[in-house]
C-alpha atoms as a PDB file:
ATOM      1  CA  MET A   1      19.792   4.725 -11.848  1.00  0.00           C
ATOM      2  CA  PRO A   2      16.656   5.409 -13.937  1.00  0.00           C
ATOM      3  CA  ASP A   3      15.512   8.965 -14.606  1.00  0.00           C
ATOM      4  CA  PHE A   4      13.078   9.559 -11.748  1.00  0.00           C
ATOM      5  CA  THR A   5      11.224  12.746 -10.927  1.00  0.00           C
ATOM      6  CA  GLU A   6      10.908  13.434  -7.216  1.00  0.00           C
ATOM      7  CA  ILE A   7       7.390  14.814  -6.831  1.00  0.00           C
ATOM      8  CA  THR A   8       7.680  15.494  -3.118  1.00  0.00           C
ATOM      9  CA  SER A   9       9.708  14.578  -0.047  1.00  0.00           C
ATOM     10  CA  GLY A  10       9.355  14.827   3.718  1.00  0.00           C
ATOM     11  CA  LEU A  11       6.625  12.170   3.870  1.00  0.00           C
ATOM     12  CA  ARG A  12       6.366   9.975   6.968  1.00  0.00           C
ATOM     13  CA  PHE A  13       6.635   6.507   5.400  1.00  0.00           C
ATOM     14  CA  PRO A  14       4.356   6.873   2.346  1.00  0.00           C
ATOM     15  CA  GLU A  15       2.414   3.847   1.117  1.00  0.00           C
ATOM     16  CA  GLY A  16      -0.735   2.958  -0.843  1.00  0.00           C
ATOM     17  CA  PRO A  17      -0.427   5.519  -3.697  1.00  0.00           C
ATOM     18  CA  ILE A  18      -3.516   6.148  -5.857  1.00  0.00           C
ATOM     19  CA  ALA A  19      -3.178   8.221  -9.040  1.00  0.00           C
ATOM     20  CA  MET A  20      -6.236  10.475  -9.302  1.00  0.00           C
ATOM     21  CA  ASP A  21      -7.866  11.874 -12.423  1.00  0.00           C
ATOM     22  CA  ASP A  22      -6.871  15.453 -11.557  1.00  0.00           C
ATOM     23  CA  GLY A  23      -3.171  14.546 -11.651  1.00  0.00           C
ATOM     24  CA  SER A  24      -2.735  14.354  -7.901  1.00  0.00           C
ATOM     25  CA  VAL A  25      -1.687  11.251  -5.988  1.00  0.00           C
ATOM     26  CA  VAL A  26      -3.458  10.253  -2.783  1.00  0.00           C
ATOM     27  CA  LEU A  27      -1.325   8.196  -0.411  1.00  0.00           C
ATOM     28  CA  VAL A  28      -1.038   7.235   3.216  1.00  0.00           C
ATOM     29  CA  GLU A  29       1.656   8.334   5.612  1.00  0.00           C
ATOM     30  CA  MET A  30       1.922   5.433   8.002  1.00  0.00           C
ATOM     31  CA  PHE A  31       3.837   7.380  10.645  1.00  0.00           C
ATOM     32  CA  LYS A  32       1.992  10.690  10.367  1.00  0.00           C
ATOM     33  CA  PRO A  33      -0.475   8.914  10.582  1.00  0.00           C
ATOM     34  CA  GLY A  34      -2.898  10.096   7.920  1.00  0.00           C
ATOM     35  CA  ILE A  35      -3.943  10.315   4.292  1.00  0.00           C
ATOM     36  CA  THR A  36      -2.287  12.978   2.163  1.00  0.00           C
ATOM     37  CA  ARG A  37      -3.032  14.342  -1.307  1.00  0.00           C
ATOM     38  CA  VAL A  38       0.084  15.285  -3.283  1.00  0.00           C
ATOM     39  CA  ALA A  39      -0.483  17.778  -6.112  1.00  0.00           C
ATOM     40  CA  PRO A  40       1.529  17.559  -9.362  1.00  0.00           C
ATOM     41  CA  ASP A  41       3.720  20.424  -8.105  1.00  0.00           C
ATOM     42  CA  GLY A  42       4.498  18.505  -4.896  1.00  0.00           C
ATOM     43  CA  ALA A  43       2.210  20.469  -2.580  1.00  0.00           C
ATOM     44  CA  LYS A  44       0.775  18.307   0.204  1.00  0.00           C
ATOM     45  CA  THR A  45      -2.697  18.498   1.717  1.00  0.00           C
ATOM     46  CA  LEU A  46      -3.899  16.417   4.655  1.00  0.00           C
ATOM     47  CA  VAL A  47      -7.113  14.602   3.712  1.00  0.00           C
ATOM     48  CA  ALA A  48      -7.742  12.820   7.015  1.00  0.00           C
ATOM     49  CA  GLU A  49      -6.006  11.901  10.233  1.00  0.00           C
ATOM     50  CA  ILE A  50      -5.951   8.122  10.678  1.00  0.00           C
ATOM     51  CA  PRO A  51      -5.104   6.844  14.184  1.00  0.00           C
ATOM     52  CA  GLY A  52      -3.187   3.567  14.058  1.00  0.00           C
ATOM     53  CA  GLY A  53      -1.213   2.723  10.954  1.00  0.00           C
ATOM     54  CA  PRO A  54      -2.751   3.423   7.527  1.00  0.00           C
ATOM     55  CA  ASN A  55      -1.357   1.035   4.932  1.00  0.00           C
ATOM     56  CA  GLY A  56      -2.717  -0.186   1.568  1.00  0.00           C
ATOM     57  CA  ALA A  57      -5.584   1.754  -0.048  1.00  0.00           C
ATOM     58  CA  ALA A  58      -7.888   1.666  -3.088  1.00  0.00           C
ATOM     59  CA  ILE A  59     -10.794   3.600  -4.577  1.00  0.00           C
ATOM     60  CA  GLY A  60     -14.135   1.795  -4.271  1.00  0.00           C
ATOM     61  CA  PRO A  61     -17.206   1.787  -6.531  1.00  0.00           C
ATOM     62  CA  ASP A  62     -18.675   4.771  -4.646  1.00  0.00           C
ATOM     63  CA  GLY A  63     -15.569   6.917  -5.151  1.00  0.00           C
ATOM     64  CA  ALA A  64     -14.508   6.687  -1.512  1.00  0.00           C
ATOM     65  CA  LEU A  65     -11.107   5.473  -0.382  1.00  0.00           C
ATOM     66  CA  TYR A  66     -10.966   2.067   1.310  1.00  0.00           C
ATOM     67  CA  LEU A  67      -8.092   1.535   3.661  1.00  0.00           C
ATOM     68  CA  CYS A  68      -6.140  -1.189   5.419  1.00  0.00           C
ATOM     69  CA  ASN A  69      -5.159   0.000   8.900  1.00  0.00           C
ATOM     70  CA  ASN A  70      -2.503  -2.117  10.604  1.00  0.00           C
ATOM     71  CA  GLY A  71      -3.457  -0.673  13.976  1.00  0.00           C
ATOM     72  CA  GLY A  72      -0.078   0.930  14.582  1.00  0.00           C
ATOM     73  CA  CYS A  73       1.747  -2.394  14.794  1.00  0.00           C
ATOM     74  CA  PHE A  74       5.101  -0.751  13.967  1.00  0.00           C
ATOM     75  CA  THR A  75       7.008   1.914  15.875  1.00  0.00           C
ATOM     76  CA  PRO A  76       8.891   4.536  13.836  1.00  0.00           C
ATOM     77  CA  VAL A  77      12.670   4.212  14.036  1.00  0.00           C
ATOM     78  CA  GLU A  78      15.127   6.760  12.608  1.00  0.00           C
ATOM     79  CA  MET A  79      18.375   5.164  11.473  1.00  0.00           C
ATOM     80  CA  GLY A  80      21.034   6.276   9.019  1.00  0.00           C
ATOM     81  CA  GLY A  81      18.809   8.911   7.454  1.00  0.00           C
ATOM     82  CA  LEU A  82      15.958   6.449   6.933  1.00  0.00           C
ATOM     83  CA  LEU A  83      12.595   6.087   8.632  1.00  0.00           C
ATOM     84  CA  LEU A  84      12.059   2.401   9.395  1.00  0.00           C
ATOM     85  CA  PRO A  85       9.164   0.292  10.750  1.00  0.00           C
ATOM     86  CA  GLY A  86      10.335  -0.742  14.194  1.00  0.00           C
ATOM     87  CA  PRO A  87       9.155  -3.365  16.688  1.00  0.00           C
ATOM     88  CA  PHE A  88       5.626  -3.888  17.943  1.00  0.00           C
ATOM     89  CA  ASP A  89       4.616  -1.765  20.930  1.00  0.00           C
ATOM     90  CA  PRO A  90       1.414  -3.002  22.614  1.00  0.00           C
ATOM     91  CA  ASP A  91       0.840   0.439  24.163  1.00  0.00           C
ATOM     92  CA  ARG A  92       0.366   2.148  20.775  1.00  0.00           C
ATOM     93  CA  TYR A  93      -1.553  -0.653  19.038  1.00  0.00           C
ATOM     94  CA  ILE A  94      -5.296  -0.017  18.510  1.00  0.00           C
ATOM     95  CA  GLY A  95      -6.197  -3.183  16.579  1.00  0.00           C
ATOM     96  CA  GLY A  96      -6.327  -3.862  12.862  1.00  0.00           C
ATOM     97  CA  ARG A  97      -9.278  -2.686  10.771  1.00  0.00           C
ATOM     98  CA  ILE A  98     -10.646  -1.946   7.332  1.00  0.00           C
ATOM     99  CA  GLN A  99     -11.897   1.621   6.963  1.00  0.00           C
ATOM    100  CA  ARG A 100     -13.762   3.843   4.511  1.00  0.00           C
ATOM    101  CA  VAL A 101     -12.612   7.430   4.020  1.00  0.00           C
ATOM    102  CA  ASP A 102     -14.712  10.114   2.340  1.00  0.00           C
ATOM    103  CA  LEU A 103     -12.153  12.060   0.313  1.00  0.00           C
ATOM    104  CA  SER A 104     -14.313  15.174   0.181  1.00  0.00           C
ATOM    105  CA  THR A 105     -14.967  15.470   3.915  1.00  0.00           C
ATOM    106  CA  GLY A 106     -12.217  13.369   5.516  1.00  0.00           C
ATOM    107  CA  ALA A 107     -14.802  11.357   7.457  1.00  0.00           C
ATOM    108  CA  VAL A 108     -13.464   7.942   8.520  1.00  0.00           C
ATOM    109  CA  THR A 109     -15.687   4.915   9.162  1.00  0.00           C
ATOM    110  CA  ASP A 110     -14.631   1.525  10.532  1.00  0.00           C
ATOM    111  CA  LEU A 111     -16.035  -1.267   8.327  1.00  0.00           C
ATOM    112  CA  TYR A 112     -14.458  -4.454   9.685  1.00  0.00           C
ATOM    113  CA  THR A 113     -12.371  -5.247  12.760  1.00  0.00           C
ATOM    114  CA  GLU A 114     -12.803  -9.046  12.789  1.00  0.00           C
ATOM    115  CA  CYS A 115     -13.845 -12.044  10.720  1.00  0.00           C
ATOM    116  CA  ASP A 116     -15.823 -14.912  12.276  1.00  0.00           C
ATOM    117  CA  GLY A 117     -14.801 -13.762  15.729  1.00  0.00           C
ATOM    118  CA  HIS A 118     -11.094 -13.539  14.885  1.00  0.00           C
ATOM    119  CA  PRO A 119      -9.706  -9.986  15.213  1.00  0.00           C
ATOM    120  CA  LEU A 120      -7.989  -8.472  12.208  1.00  0.00           C
ATOM    121  CA  ARG A 121      -4.391  -8.012  13.287  1.00  0.00           C
ATOM    122  CA  ALA A 122      -2.526  -5.873  10.743  1.00  0.00           C
ATOM    123  CA  PRO A 123      -4.348  -5.499   7.406  1.00  0.00           C
ATOM    124  CA  ASN A 124      -1.795  -4.580   4.765  1.00  0.00           C
ATOM    125  CA  ASP A 125      -2.962  -4.396   1.134  1.00  0.00           C
ATOM    126  CA  LEU A 126      -6.311  -4.110  -0.630  1.00  0.00           C
ATOM    127  CA  VAL A 127      -7.710  -4.329  -4.183  1.00  0.00           C
ATOM    128  CA  PHE A 128     -11.239  -4.143  -5.619  1.00  0.00           C
ATOM    129  CA  ASP A 129     -12.600  -6.497  -8.266  1.00  0.00           C
ATOM    130  CA  ALA A 130     -15.066  -5.768 -11.072  1.00  0.00           C
ATOM    131  CA  HIS A 131     -17.982  -7.060  -8.945  1.00  0.00           C
ATOM    132  CA  GLY A 132     -17.595  -4.357  -6.296  1.00  0.00           C
ATOM    133  CA  GLY A 133     -16.037  -6.472  -3.553  1.00  0.00           C
ATOM    134  CA  PHE A 134     -12.454  -6.267  -2.383  1.00  0.00           C
ATOM    135  CA  TRP A 135      -9.633  -8.583  -1.408  1.00  0.00           C
ATOM    136  CA  PHE A 136      -7.211  -7.742   1.373  1.00  0.00           C
ATOM    137  CA  THR A 137      -4.282  -9.311   3.160  1.00  0.00           C
ATOM    138  CA  ASP A 138      -3.525  -9.358   6.875  1.00  0.00           C
ATOM    139  CA  HIS A 139       0.210  -9.189   7.439  1.00  0.00           C
ATOM    140  CA  GLY A 140      -0.074 -10.090  11.107  1.00  0.00           C
ATOM    141  CA  ILE A 141       2.134  -8.966  13.988  1.00  0.00           C
ATOM    142  CA  ARG A 142       5.620 -10.087  14.965  1.00  0.00           C
ATOM    143  CA  HIS A 143       6.396  -9.598  18.628  1.00  0.00           C
ATOM    144  CA  GLY A 144       9.319 -11.095  20.500  1.00  0.00           C
ATOM    145  CA  ARG A 145       9.405 -14.820  19.717  1.00  0.00           C
ATOM    146  CA  SER A 146       5.904 -15.018  18.253  1.00  0.00           C
ATOM    147  CA  LYS A 147       4.150 -14.063  15.046  1.00  0.00           C
ATOM    148  CA  ASP A 148       0.562 -14.295  13.830  1.00  0.00           C
ATOM    149  CA  ARG A 149      -0.774 -16.746  11.283  1.00  0.00           C
ATOM    150  CA  THR A 150      -3.237 -14.802   9.214  1.00  0.00           C
ATOM    151  CA  GLY A 151      -5.119 -14.991   5.933  1.00  0.00           C
ATOM    152  CA  ILE A 152      -6.435 -13.447   2.751  1.00  0.00           C
ATOM    153  CA  TYR A 153      -9.964 -12.035   2.956  1.00  0.00           C
ATOM    154  CA  TYR A 154     -12.809 -11.008   0.674  1.00  0.00           C
ATOM    155  CA  ALA A 155     -15.331  -8.405   1.790  1.00  0.00           C
ATOM    156  CA  GLN A 156     -18.090  -6.092   0.618  1.00  0.00           C
ATOM    157  CA  PRO A 157     -17.779  -2.315   1.092  1.00  0.00           C
ATOM    158  CA  ASP A 158     -21.257  -2.004   2.628  1.00  0.00           C
ATOM    159  CA  ARG A 159     -20.283  -4.071   5.722  1.00  0.00           C
ATOM    160  CA  SER A 160     -22.567  -6.898   4.596  1.00  0.00           C
ATOM    161  CA  SER A 161     -20.002  -9.696   4.532  1.00  0.00           C
ATOM    162  CA  ILE A 162     -16.397 -10.637   5.136  1.00  0.00           C
ATOM    163  CA  THR A 163     -14.923 -14.070   4.411  1.00  0.00           C
ATOM    164  CA  GLU A 164     -11.538 -15.585   5.169  1.00  0.00           C
ATOM    165  CA  VAL A 165     -10.682 -17.221   1.846  1.00  0.00           C
ATOM    166  CA  VAL A 166      -7.141 -18.476   2.478  1.00  0.00           C
ATOM    167  CA  PHE A 167      -5.624 -19.552   5.807  1.00  0.00           C
ATOM    168  CA  PRO A 168      -2.884 -19.654   6.920  1.00  0.00           C
ATOM    169  CA  VAL A 169      -0.647 -17.262   5.021  1.00  0.00           C
ATOM    170  CA  ASP A 170       2.756 -16.662   6.609  1.00  0.00           C
ATOM    171  CA  SER A 171       3.916 -13.582   4.674  1.00  0.00           C
ATOM    172  CA  PRO A 172       5.001 -15.483   1.542  1.00  0.00           C
ATOM    173  CA  ALA A 173       7.091 -12.731  -0.075  1.00  0.00           C
ATOM    174  CA  GLY A 174      10.707 -12.900  -1.276  1.00  0.00           C
ATOM    175  CA  LEU A 175      13.172 -13.583  -4.051  1.00  0.00           C
ATOM    176  CA  SER A 176      16.692 -14.990  -3.846  1.00  0.00           C
ATOM    177  CA  GLY A 177      19.414 -12.766  -2.436  1.00  0.00           C
ATOM    178  CA  MET A 178      17.439 -11.072   0.349  1.00  0.00           C
ATOM    179  CA  GLN A 179      14.874  -9.420  -1.879  1.00  0.00           C
ATOM    180  CA  LEU A 180      11.564  -9.043  -0.064  1.00  0.00           C
ATOM    181  CA  LEU A 181       8.401  -8.305  -2.014  1.00  0.00           C
ATOM    182  CA  ASP A 182       5.875  -5.694  -0.934  1.00  0.00           C
ATOM    183  CA  SER A 183       2.939  -4.087  -2.773  1.00  0.00           C
ATOM    184  CA  LEU A 184       2.382  -4.345  -6.514  1.00  0.00           C
ATOM    185  CA  ALA A 185       0.586  -3.257  -9.661  1.00  0.00           C
ATOM    186  CA  VAL A 186      -0.020  -5.069 -12.939  1.00  0.00           C
ATOM    187  CA  ASP A 187       0.792  -3.621 -16.355  1.00  0.00           C
ATOM    188  CA  GLY A 188      -1.188  -4.034 -19.566  1.00  0.00           C
ATOM    189  CA  ASP A 189       0.896  -7.044 -20.628  1.00  0.00           C
ATOM    190  CA  GLY A 190       0.035  -8.901 -17.430  1.00  0.00           C
ATOM    191  CA  ASN A 191       3.451  -8.386 -15.852  1.00  0.00           C
ATOM    192  CA  VAL A 192       3.524  -8.030 -12.072  1.00  0.00           C
ATOM    193  CA  CYS A 193       5.454  -4.884 -11.088  1.00  0.00           C
ATOM    194  CA  VAL A 194       6.264  -5.412  -7.440  1.00  0.00           C
ATOM    195  CA  ALA A 195       7.965  -3.056  -5.007  1.00  0.00           C
ATOM    196  CA  THR A 196      11.081  -4.747  -3.679  1.00  0.00           C
ATOM    197  CA  LEU A 197      12.651  -4.215  -0.268  1.00  0.00           C
ATOM    198  CA  VAL A 198      16.371  -4.398   0.580  1.00  0.00           C
ATOM    199  CA  ASN A 199      17.275  -4.483  -3.141  1.00  0.00           C
ATOM    200  CA  GLY A 200      15.162  -1.352  -3.333  1.00  0.00           C
ATOM    201  CA  GLY A 201      13.226  -0.853  -6.542  1.00  0.00           C
ATOM    202  CA  ILE A 202      10.542  -2.358  -8.750  1.00  0.00           C
ATOM    203  CA  THR A 203      10.913  -5.945  -9.950  1.00  0.00           C
ATOM    204  CA  VAL A 204       8.984  -6.829 -13.108  1.00  0.00           C
ATOM    205  CA  ILE A 205       7.821 -10.453 -13.260  1.00  0.00           C
ATOM    206  CA  ALA A 206       6.201 -11.981 -16.355  1.00  0.00           C
ATOM    207  CA  PRO A 207       3.006 -14.060 -16.117  1.00  0.00           C
ATOM    208  CA  ASP A 208       5.109 -17.232 -16.435  1.00  0.00           C
ATOM    209  CA  GLY A 209       7.218 -16.232 -13.412  1.00  0.00           C
ATOM    210  CA  GLU A 210      10.300 -15.035 -15.279  1.00  0.00           C
ATOM    211  CA  VAL A 211      11.978 -11.957 -13.762  1.00  0.00           C
ATOM    212  CA  LEU A 212      12.200  -9.509 -16.659  1.00  0.00           C
ATOM    213  CA  GLU A 213      13.961  -6.578 -15.020  1.00  0.00           C
ATOM    214  CA  HIS A 214      14.684  -4.727 -11.811  1.00  0.00           C
ATOM    215  CA  VAL A 215      14.305  -0.935 -11.723  1.00  0.00           C
ATOM    216  CA  PRO A 216      16.329   0.460  -8.791  1.00  0.00           C
ATOM    217  CA  THR A 217      15.163   3.491  -6.827  1.00  0.00           C
ATOM    218  CA  GLY A 218      18.007   3.960  -4.359  1.00  0.00           C
ATOM    219  CA  ASP A 219      15.673   3.381  -1.386  1.00  0.00           C
ATOM    220  CA  VAL A 220      15.893   0.024   0.410  1.00  0.00           C
ATOM    221  CA  LEU A 221      12.279   0.458   1.535  1.00  0.00           C
ATOM    222  CA  THR A 222      10.561   0.870  -1.829  1.00  0.00           C
ATOM    223  CA  THR A 223       7.051  -0.202  -0.870  1.00  0.00           C
ATOM    224  CA  ASN A 224       4.485   0.443  -3.614  1.00  0.00           C
ATOM    225  CA  ILE A 225       3.738   1.403  -7.210  1.00  0.00           C
ATOM    226  CA  CYS A 226       0.687   2.597  -9.094  1.00  0.00           C
ATOM    227  CA  PHE A 227       0.087   3.757 -12.664  1.00  0.00           C
ATOM    228  CA  GLY A 228      -1.439   7.062 -13.706  1.00  0.00           C
ATOM    229  CA  GLY A 229      -1.487   9.779 -16.308  1.00  0.00           C
ATOM    230  CA  PRO A 230      -3.825   9.947 -19.308  1.00  0.00           C
ATOM    231  CA  ASP A 231      -2.354   6.794 -20.880  1.00  0.00           C
ATOM    232  CA  LEU A 232      -1.364   5.027 -17.605  1.00  0.00           C
ATOM    233  CA  ARG A 233       2.287   5.200 -18.662  1.00  0.00           C
ATOM    234  CA  THR A 234       3.502   7.052 -15.572  1.00  0.00           C
ATOM    235  CA  ALA A 235       4.632   4.946 -12.631  1.00  0.00           C
ATOM    236  CA  PHE A 236       4.254   6.542  -9.207  1.00  0.00           C
ATOM    237  CA  ILE A 237       6.480   4.872  -6.611  1.00  0.00           C
ATOM    238  CA  THR A 238       6.669   5.283  -2.839  1.00  0.00           C
ATOM    239  CA  ALA A 239      10.230   5.403  -1.550  1.00  0.00           C
ATOM    240  CA  SER A 240       9.198   5.016   2.062  1.00  0.00           C
ATOM    241  CA  GLY A 241      12.528   4.949   3.874  1.00  0.00           C
ATOM    242  CA  THR A 242      13.513   8.338   2.459  1.00  0.00           C
ATOM    243  CA  GLY A 243       9.942   9.703   2.547  1.00  0.00           C
ATOM    244  CA  ARG A 244       9.608  10.475  -1.163  1.00  0.00           C
ATOM    245  CA  LEU A 245       7.029  10.070  -3.920  1.00  0.00           C
ATOM    246  CA  LEU A 246       8.744   9.357  -7.229  1.00  0.00           C
ATOM    247  CA  ALA A 247       7.474   9.298 -10.812  1.00  0.00           C
ATOM    248  CA  MET A 248       8.946   7.911 -13.993  1.00  0.00           C
ATOM    249  CA  PRO A 249       7.784   7.051 -17.517  1.00  0.00           C
ATOM    250  CA  TRP A 250       6.940   3.351 -17.807  1.00  0.00           C
ATOM    251  CA  PRO A 251       7.571   1.386 -21.026  1.00  0.00           C
ATOM    252  CA  ARG A 252       4.118  -0.216 -20.936  1.00  0.00           C
ATOM    253  CA  PRO A 253       0.746   1.169 -19.842  1.00  0.00           C
ATOM    254  CA  GLY A 254      -0.536   0.015 -16.501  1.00  0.00           C
ATOM    255  CA  LEU A 255      -3.649  -2.114 -16.141  1.00  0.00           C
ATOM    256  CA  ARG A 256      -6.618   0.098 -15.285  1.00  0.00           C
ATOM    257  CA  LEU A 257      -8.090  -0.693 -11.871  1.00  0.00           C
ATOM    258  CA  ALA A 258     -11.724  -1.551 -11.320  1.00  0.00           C
ATOM    259  CA  HIS A 259     -13.924   1.419 -10.326  1.00  0.00           C
ATOM    260  CA  HIS A 260     -11.140   3.907 -10.956  1.00  0.00           C
ATOM    261  CA  ALA A 261     -11.862   5.880 -14.124  1.00  0.00           C
END
């Protein structure tokens, strides 16, 4: 097992980590539900309560946090010392949405709840580009014998436009041997560092598709990674099943995100 530092524990399914310039990490707690700031010493501060199910997040060009909210499409299930995303419960679902969160005040604004008349079902991950727009995925809902067919979207943070760019997308994530892929970051060499479920850890995949290495975390629900620190050589990893935020030195610097100094 690699030499991890456990920054904090007791989180309610952490996801969407963002390494901030002051050394803190802002993340979501999907089953709190809310956005939490974790200080370098592990102290936790609630930034905003987020009804539904906060998921992927990113800093936008205005310094605000932009958020995928899956609407509360999962129920929390405690099993074997882990907190797991359980089945869909229509009674707790509020609808998927993209939101803006003011990190200084905690104010939450709904930006998008549909595209071309089609409701967003369970937005999952989000990333900004250099032009100021953002891409996001809609994971969809699985309920009983049915599941949604959803897409990949591009939108502007000022509510001016949202476009479905790819449809349908049926959750195309997985490697051989029951390894499911979740959220990811890219390092400075162009390698995709993707959080891997079941075989819990970070899988590093080269631009040509070759799997370079797997870094285990000991948590079967390792969901996300981001890079931080002055040289972007610290990997922050959400071990969601056990409710921990981990950090470890990374052999290569991460790729700096757009609009995040």
